[in-house]
Amino acid sequence: MKNTTIKTIAEATQLSLTTVSRVLNGSAKKYRISEETQQLVLKAAAKLNYAPNRAAVSLRLKRSFSVGLVIPTLSNPYFADVASMVSHALRAKGFSVVLMDCDEDENSEVEAVRLLAAQHIEGVIIIPSGSQSAHIDNLLKRKIPVISIDRYHEGIPVSYVATNHYEGALDITQYLLQAGHKKIACLQGSTSVVSNNLRVKGYTDAMKAAGCRFSG
């Protein structure tokens, strides 16, 4: 079957290439193209199974339409769920996702970020695996947007989405103390990530305030 192009749709609708292109590129309103014409083009595109040439669009607009997603490890169900949700949300917005699993290794994360930057990625979403942040600073210097999830680096201007790790640990420890428990253990993860350290601080502050002994 012959590939459907903008020219194919233009011939089928008897409209100009420019009009068809503007509708398919989402700029119909800007050029005051009527709703009737828009529907005509979109229906023809659907009927003819039109799919835009992503490489051509990227070259023309000088955009990659791809976002890097850097996670510690897919073997952790939590991170796997985050990767799935982020990927679905980005695809719904027309972006492809370049997923990098770093196996909880800082050096692998640094290399993953370097590779993503070399691919002219439009942005990076990252769950840091350690305390290094120079590679993220490099992304910011190159004007590549960065967002952190769950874990983040303090002291660098990166927006993040995370639970309140400190308050969460503080509240659950206080709840256990109020229930009469005194010997409460805190199992922690990597000491090089902020989420772990804030949870431990919430635990220790609650135990200290209650006058309970703990080792650490």
C-alpha atoms as a PDB file:
ATOM      1  CA  MET A   1       0.000   0.000   0.000  1.00  0.00           C
ATOM      2  CA  LYS A   2       1.302   3.425  -0.956  1.00  0.00           C
ATOM      3  CA  ASN A   3       2.214   5.685   1.959  1.00  0.00           C
ATOM      4  CA  THR A   4      -0.242   8.457   2.651  1.00  0.00           C
ATOM      5  CA  THR A   5       1.327  11.911   2.545  1.00  0.00           C
ATOM      6  CA  ILE A   6       0.057  15.441   2.935  1.00  0.00           C
ATOM      7  CA  LYS A   7      -0.130  15.582  -0.856  1.00  0.00           C
ATOM      8  CA  THR A   8      -2.395  12.508  -0.855  1.00  0.00           C
ATOM      9  CA  ILE A   9      -4.781  14.219   1.563  1.00  0.00           C
ATOM     10  CA  ALA A  10      -4.664  17.462  -0.408  1.00  0.00           C
ATOM     11  CA  GLU A  11      -5.667  15.597  -3.576  1.00  0.00           C
ATOM     12  CA  ALA A  12      -8.439  13.711  -1.768  1.00  0.00           C
ATOM     13  CA  THR A  13      -9.923  16.864  -0.236  1.00  0.00           C
ATOM     14  CA  GLN A  14      -9.088  19.197  -3.149  1.00  0.00           C
ATOM     15  CA  LEU A  15      -7.418  21.560  -0.731  1.00  0.00           C
ATOM     16  CA  SER A  16      -4.005  23.178  -0.930  1.00  0.00           C
ATOM     17  CA  LEU A  17      -0.924  21.547   0.560  1.00  0.00           C
ATOM     18  CA  THR A  18      -0.527  24.575   2.812  1.00  0.00           C
ATOM     19  CA  THR A  19      -4.049  24.272   4.240  1.00  0.00           C
ATOM     20  CA  VAL A  20      -3.717  20.550   4.876  1.00  0.00           C
ATOM     21  CA  SER A  21      -0.315  21.024   6.480  1.00  0.00           C
ATOM     22  CA  ARG A  22      -1.576  23.744   8.797  1.00  0.00           C
ATOM     23  CA  VAL A  23      -4.502  21.630   9.949  1.00  0.00           C
ATOM     24  CA  LEU A  24      -2.357  18.573  10.606  1.00  0.00           C
ATOM     25  CA  ASN A  25       0.280  20.657  12.380  1.00  0.00           C
ATOM     26  CA  GLY A  26      -2.335  22.039  14.765  1.00  0.00           C
ATOM     27  CA  SER A  27      -2.074  25.629  13.553  1.00  0.00           C
ATOM     28  CA  ALA A  28      -5.516  25.865  11.911  1.00  0.00           C
ATOM     29  CA  LYS A  29      -6.825  28.367  14.446  1.00  0.00           C
ATOM     30  CA  LYS A  30      -3.795  30.607  13.978  1.00  0.00           C
ATOM     31  CA  TYR A  31      -4.529  30.826  10.247  1.00  0.00           C
ATOM     32  CA  ARG A  32      -8.309  31.048  10.735  1.00  0.00           C
ATOM     33  CA  ILE A  33      -9.085  27.842   8.887  1.00  0.00           C
ATOM     34  CA  SER A  34     -12.768  27.027   9.242  1.00  0.00           C
ATOM     35  CA  GLU A  35     -14.001  24.180  11.429  1.00  0.00           C
ATOM     36  CA  GLU A  36     -15.588  22.585   8.385  1.00  0.00           C
ATOM     37  CA  THR A  37     -12.259  22.498   6.548  1.00  0.00           C
ATOM     38  CA  GLN A  38     -10.475  21.142   9.597  1.00  0.00           C
ATOM     39  CA  GLN A  39     -12.947  18.282   9.915  1.00  0.00           C
ATOM     40  CA  LEU A  40     -12.639  17.535   6.212  1.00  0.00           C
ATOM     41  CA  VAL A  41      -8.861  17.203   6.505  1.00  0.00           C
ATOM     42  CA  LEU A  42      -8.930  15.193   9.738  1.00  0.00           C
ATOM     43  CA  LYS A  43     -11.511  12.740   8.432  1.00  0.00           C
ATOM     44  CA  ALA A  44      -9.519  12.226   5.239  1.00  0.00           C
ATOM     45  CA  ALA A  45      -6.343  11.710   7.260  1.00  0.00           C
ATOM     46  CA  ALA A  46      -8.060   9.086   9.414  1.00  0.00           C
ATOM     47  CA  LYS A  47      -9.626   7.323   6.426  1.00  0.00           C
ATOM     48  CA  LEU A  48      -6.311   7.196   4.580  1.00  0.00           C
ATOM     49  CA  ASN A  49      -4.388   6.079   7.708  1.00  0.00           C
ATOM     50  CA  TYR A  50      -2.117   9.082   7.603  1.00  0.00           C
ATOM     51  CA  ALA A  51       0.853   9.035   9.989  1.00  0.00           C
ATOM     52  CA  PRO A  52       3.280  11.971  10.048  1.00  0.00           C
ATOM     53  CA  ASN A  53       6.910  11.330   9.214  1.00  0.00           C
ATOM     54  CA  ARG A  54       8.412  12.002  12.634  1.00  0.00           C
ATOM     55  CA  ALA A  55      11.929  12.426  11.321  1.00  0.00           C
ATOM     56  CA  ALA A  56      10.804  14.975   8.743  1.00  0.00           C
ATOM     57  CA  VAL A  57       8.759  16.896  11.303  1.00  0.00           C
ATOM     58  CA  SER A  58      11.679  16.931  13.735  1.00  0.00           C
ATOM     59  CA  LEU A  59      14.046  18.167  11.040  1.00  0.00           C
ATOM     60  CA  ARG A  60      11.668  20.885   9.913  1.00  0.00           C
ATOM     61  CA  LEU A  61      10.836  22.153  13.377  1.00  0.00           C
ATOM     62  CA  LYS A  62      14.292  21.410  14.819  1.00  0.00           C
ATOM     63  CA  ARG A  63      12.698  19.440  17.644  1.00  0.00           C
ATOM     64  CA  SER A  64      13.145  15.806  18.678  1.00  0.00           C
ATOM     65  CA  PHE A  65       9.727  15.367  20.353  1.00  0.00           C
ATOM     66  CA  SER A  66      11.399  13.008  22.811  1.00  0.00           C
ATOM     67  CA  VAL A  67      11.956  13.172  26.558  1.00  0.00           C
ATOM     68  CA  GLY A  68      14.520  11.235  28.566  1.00  0.00           C
ATOM     69  CA  LEU A  69      13.298   9.283  31.585  1.00  0.00           C
ATOM     70  CA  VAL A  70      16.133   8.270  33.914  1.00  0.00           C
ATOM     71  CA  ILE A  71      15.206   5.885  36.720  1.00  0.00           C
ATOM     72  CA  PRO A  72      17.250   3.972  39.331  1.00  0.00           C
ATOM     73  CA  THR A  73      15.968   0.494  38.407  1.00  0.00           C
ATOM     74  CA  LEU A  74      12.958  -1.143  36.785  1.00  0.00           C
ATOM     75  CA  SER A  75      13.290  -4.070  39.207  1.00  0.00           C
ATOM     76  CA  ASN A  76      11.729  -1.852  41.889  1.00  0.00           C
ATOM     77  CA  PRO A  77       7.922  -1.979  41.362  1.00  0.00           C
ATOM     78  CA  TYR A  78       7.545   1.627  42.509  1.00  0.00           C
ATOM     79  CA  PHE A  79       9.953   2.972  39.907  1.00  0.00           C
ATOM     80  CA  ALA A  80       8.429   0.698  37.251  1.00  0.00           C
ATOM     81  CA  ASP A  81       4.974   2.157  37.998  1.00  0.00           C
ATOM     82  CA  VAL A  82       6.349   5.700  37.803  1.00  0.00           C
ATOM     83  CA  ALA A  83       8.004   4.920  34.460  1.00  0.00           C
ATOM     84  CA  SER A  84       4.740   3.502  33.115  1.00  0.00           C
ATOM     85  CA  MET A  85       2.640   6.491  34.185  1.00  0.00           C
ATOM     86  CA  VAL A  86       5.145   9.053  32.933  1.00  0.00           C
ATOM     87  CA  SER A  87       5.462   7.245  29.587  1.00  0.00           C
ATOM     88  CA  HIS A  88       1.695   7.144  29.079  1.00  0.00           C
ATOM     89  CA  ALA A  89       1.335  10.832  29.943  1.00  0.00           C
ATOM     90  CA  LEU A  90       4.122  11.886  27.562  1.00  0.00           C
ATOM     91  CA  ARG A  91       2.842   9.764  24.685  1.00  0.00           C
ATOM     92  CA  ALA A  92      -0.581  11.356  25.110  1.00  0.00           C
ATOM     93  CA  LYS A  93       1.120  14.710  24.509  1.00  0.00           C
ATOM     94  CA  GLY A  94       2.881  13.496  21.367  1.00  0.00           C
ATOM     95  CA  PHE A  95       6.310  12.818  22.878  1.00  0.00           C
ATOM     96  CA  SER A  96       8.307   9.628  22.657  1.00  0.00           C
ATOM     97  CA  VAL A  97      10.152   8.402  25.746  1.00  0.00           C
ATOM     98  CA  VAL A  98      13.792   7.339  25.946  1.00  0.00           C
ATOM     99  CA  LEU A  99      13.971   5.200  29.087  1.00  0.00           C
ATOM    100  CA  MET A 100      17.297   4.727  30.865  1.00  0.00           C
ATOM    101  CA  ASP A 101      17.597   2.173  33.706  1.00  0.00           C
ATOM    102  CA  CYS A 102      20.676   2.977  35.803  1.00  0.00           C
ATOM    103  CA  ASP A 103      20.637  -0.053  38.120  1.00  0.00           C
ATOM    104  CA  GLU A 104      20.972   2.288  41.145  1.00  0.00           C
ATOM    105  CA  ASP A 105      24.464   3.276  39.966  1.00  0.00           C
ATOM    106  CA  GLU A 106      25.542   6.915  39.942  1.00  0.00           C
ATOM    107  CA  ASN A 107      28.134   6.487  37.209  1.00  0.00           C
ATOM    108  CA  SER A 108      25.562   4.791  34.976  1.00  0.00           C
ATOM    109  CA  GLU A 109      23.235   7.718  35.592  1.00  0.00           C
ATOM    110  CA  VAL A 110      25.897  10.235  34.586  1.00  0.00           C
ATOM    111  CA  GLU A 111      26.539   8.316  31.352  1.00  0.00           C
ATOM    112  CA  ALA A 112      22.800   7.996  30.661  1.00  0.00           C
ATOM    113  CA  VAL A 113      22.345  11.754  30.973  1.00  0.00           C
ATOM    114  CA  ARG A 114      25.324  12.369  28.683  1.00  0.00           C
ATOM    115  CA  LEU A 115      23.833  10.097  26.019  1.00  0.00           C
ATOM    116  CA  LEU A 116      20.435  11.766  26.278  1.00  0.00           C
ATOM    117  CA  ALA A 117      21.938  15.231  25.881  1.00  0.00           C
ATOM    118  CA  ALA A 118      23.763  14.030  22.761  1.00  0.00           C
ATOM    119  CA  GLN A 119      20.403  12.968  21.271  1.00  0.00           C
ATOM    120  CA  HIS A 120      19.068  16.544  21.461  1.00  0.00           C
ATOM    121  CA  ILE A 121      16.439  15.465  23.967  1.00  0.00           C
ATOM    122  CA  GLU A 122      13.757  18.065  24.747  1.00  0.00           C
ATOM    123  CA  GLY A 123      13.762  17.450  28.472  1.00  0.00           C
ATOM    124  CA  VAL A 124      14.822  15.006  31.160  1.00  0.00           C
ATOM    125  CA  ILE A 125      12.748  13.516  33.958  1.00  0.00           C
ATOM    126  CA  ILE A 126      14.985  11.901  36.539  1.00  0.00           C
ATOM    127  CA  ILE A 127      14.847   9.952  39.784  1.00  0.00           C
ATOM    128  CA  PRO A 128      18.448  10.398  40.988  1.00  0.00           C
ATOM    129  CA  SER A 129      20.418   7.344  42.087  1.00  0.00           C
ATOM    130  CA  GLY A 130      22.960   9.207  44.187  1.00  0.00           C
ATOM    131  CA  SER A 131      24.344  12.507  45.380  1.00  0.00           C
ATOM    132  CA  GLN A 132      26.176  13.611  42.216  1.00  0.00           C
ATOM    133  CA  SER A 133      24.538  16.559  40.487  1.00  0.00           C
ATOM    134  CA  ALA A 134      27.156  18.022  38.135  1.00  0.00           C
ATOM    135  CA  HIS A 135      25.638  16.155  35.177  1.00  0.00           C
ATOM    136  CA  ILE A 136      22.261  17.719  35.929  1.00  0.00           C
ATOM    137  CA  ASP A 137      23.861  21.147  36.165  1.00  0.00           C
ATOM    138  CA  ASN A 138      25.267  20.516  32.685  1.00  0.00           C
ATOM    139  CA  LEU A 139      21.752  19.876  31.357  1.00  0.00           C
ATOM    140  CA  LEU A 140      20.576  23.169  32.827  1.00  0.00           C
ATOM    141  CA  LYS A 141      23.524  25.009  31.282  1.00  0.00           C
ATOM    142  CA  ARG A 142      22.453  23.597  27.908  1.00  0.00           C
ATOM    143  CA  LYS A 143      18.916  24.916  28.534  1.00  0.00           C
ATOM    144  CA  ILE A 144      17.483  21.393  28.716  1.00  0.00           C
ATOM    145  CA  PRO A 145      14.509  21.329  31.135  1.00  0.00           C
ATOM    146  CA  VAL A 146      14.828  18.911  34.054  1.00  0.00           C
ATOM    147  CA  ILE A 147      12.254  17.614  36.534  1.00  0.00           C
ATOM    148  CA  SER A 148      12.978  15.250  39.423  1.00  0.00           C
ATOM    149  CA  ILE A 149      10.523  12.718  40.839  1.00  0.00           C
ATOM    150  CA  ASP A 150      10.533  11.424  44.442  1.00  0.00           C
ATOM    151  CA  ARG A 151      14.255  12.022  44.886  1.00  0.00           C
ATOM    152  CA  TYR A 152      15.935  15.338  44.193  1.00  0.00           C
ATOM    153  CA  HIS A 153      19.136  17.283  44.721  1.00  0.00           C
ATOM    154  CA  GLU A 154      19.041  20.110  47.206  1.00  0.00           C
ATOM    155  CA  GLY A 155      20.740  23.317  46.161  1.00  0.00           C
ATOM    156  CA  ILE A 156      20.137  23.162  42.394  1.00  0.00           C
ATOM    157  CA  PRO A 157      17.247  24.947  40.628  1.00  0.00           C
ATOM    158  CA  VAL A 158      15.297  21.887  39.479  1.00  0.00           C
ATOM    159  CA  SER A 159      11.566  21.473  40.015  1.00  0.00           C
ATOM    160  CA  TYR A 160      10.533  18.205  41.624  1.00  0.00           C
ATOM    161  CA  VAL A 161       7.458  16.165  42.476  1.00  0.00           C
ATOM    162  CA  ALA A 162       7.772  14.260  45.739  1.00  0.00           C
ATOM    163  CA  THR A 163       5.989  13.276  48.890  1.00  0.00           C
ATOM    164  CA  ASN A 164       6.982  14.973  52.137  1.00  0.00           C
ATOM    165  CA  HIS A 165       9.471  12.313  53.191  1.00  0.00           C
ATOM    166  CA  TYR A 166      10.291  13.932  56.525  1.00  0.00           C
ATOM    167  CA  GLU A 167       6.705  14.514  57.655  1.00  0.00           C
ATOM    168  CA  GLY A 168       5.658  11.043  56.517  1.00  0.00           C
ATOM    169  CA  ALA A 169       8.320   9.308  58.602  1.00  0.00           C
ATOM    170  CA  LEU A 170       7.711  11.631  61.540  1.00  0.00           C
ATOM    171  CA  ASP A 171       3.955  10.999  61.504  1.00  0.00           C
ATOM    172  CA  ILE A 172       4.161   7.206  61.252  1.00  0.00           C
ATOM    173  CA  THR A 173       6.750   7.040  64.030  1.00  0.00           C
ATOM    174  CA  GLN A 174       4.645   9.270  66.278  1.00  0.00           C
ATOM    175  CA  TYR A 175       1.619   7.104  65.538  1.00  0.00           C
ATOM    176  CA  LEU A 176       3.486   3.981  66.658  1.00  0.00           C
ATOM    177  CA  LEU A 177       4.751   5.758  69.770  1.00  0.00           C
ATOM    178  CA  GLN A 178       1.242   6.919  70.660  1.00  0.00           C
ATOM    179  CA  ALA A 179       0.070   3.325  70.258  1.00  0.00           C
ATOM    180  CA  GLY A 180       2.454   2.347  73.046  1.00  0.00           C
ATOM    181  CA  HIS A 181       5.371   1.026  71.030  1.00  0.00           C
ATOM    182  CA  LYS A 182       8.846   2.014  72.193  1.00  0.00           C
ATOM    183  CA  LYS A 183      11.227  -0.282  70.325  1.00  0.00           C
ATOM    184  CA  ILE A 184      10.761   0.920  66.760  1.00  0.00           C
ATOM    185  CA  ALA A 185      13.237   0.014  64.038  1.00  0.00           C
ATOM    186  CA  CYS A 186      13.936   2.113  60.959  1.00  0.00           C
ATOM    187  CA  LEU A 187      15.110   0.237  57.877  1.00  0.00           C
ATOM    188  CA  GLN A 188      16.792   2.654  55.529  1.00  0.00           C
ATOM    189  CA  GLY A 189      18.023   2.596  51.963  1.00  0.00           C
ATOM    190  CA  SER A 190      20.879   4.415  50.268  1.00  0.00           C
ATOM    191  CA  THR A 191      22.361   7.227  52.354  1.00  0.00           C
ATOM    192  CA  SER A 192      23.262   9.091  49.154  1.00  0.00           C
ATOM    193  CA  VAL A 193      19.671  10.017  48.273  1.00  0.00           C
ATOM    194  CA  VAL A 194      17.700  12.788  49.940  1.00  0.00           C
ATOM    195  CA  SER A 195      14.438  10.846  50.316  1.00  0.00           C
ATOM    196  CA  ASN A 196      16.096   8.231  52.525  1.00  0.00           C
ATOM    197  CA  ASN A 197      17.883  10.788  54.676  1.00  0.00           C
ATOM    198  CA  LEU A 198      14.738  12.852  55.249  1.00  0.00           C
ATOM    199  CA  ARG A 199      12.788   9.747  56.290  1.00  0.00           C
ATOM    200  CA  VAL A 200      15.520   8.767  58.736  1.00  0.00           C
ATOM    201  CA  LYS A 201      15.521  12.297  60.163  1.00  0.00           C
ATOM    202  CA  GLY A 202      11.749  12.164  60.648  1.00  0.00           C
ATOM    203  CA  TYR A 203      12.124   8.882  62.515  1.00  0.00           C
ATOM    204  CA  THR A 204      15.011  10.038  64.709  1.00  0.00           C
ATOM    205  CA  ASP A 205      13.345  13.365  65.564  1.00  0.00           C
ATOM    206  CA  ALA A 206      10.184  11.576  66.671  1.00  0.00           C
ATOM    207  CA  MET A 207      12.152   9.074  68.770  1.00  0.00           C
ATOM    208  CA  LYS A 208      14.238  11.831  70.393  1.00  0.00           C
ATOM    209  CA  ALA A 209      11.153  13.893  71.201  1.00  0.00           C
ATOM    210  CA  ALA A 210       9.591  10.882  72.902  1.00  0.00           C
ATOM    211  CA  GLY A 211      12.755  10.158  74.870  1.00  0.00           C
ATOM    212  CA  CYS A 212      13.136   6.736  73.268  1.00  0.00           C
ATOM    213  CA  ARG A 213      16.502   5.143  72.707  1.00  0.00           C
ATOM    214  CA  PHE A 214      17.614   4.056  69.257  1.00  0.00           C
ATOM    215  CA  SER A 215      20.893   3.236  67.576  1.00  0.00           C
ATOM    216  CA  GLY A 216      22.083   4.792  64.366  1.00  0.00           C
END
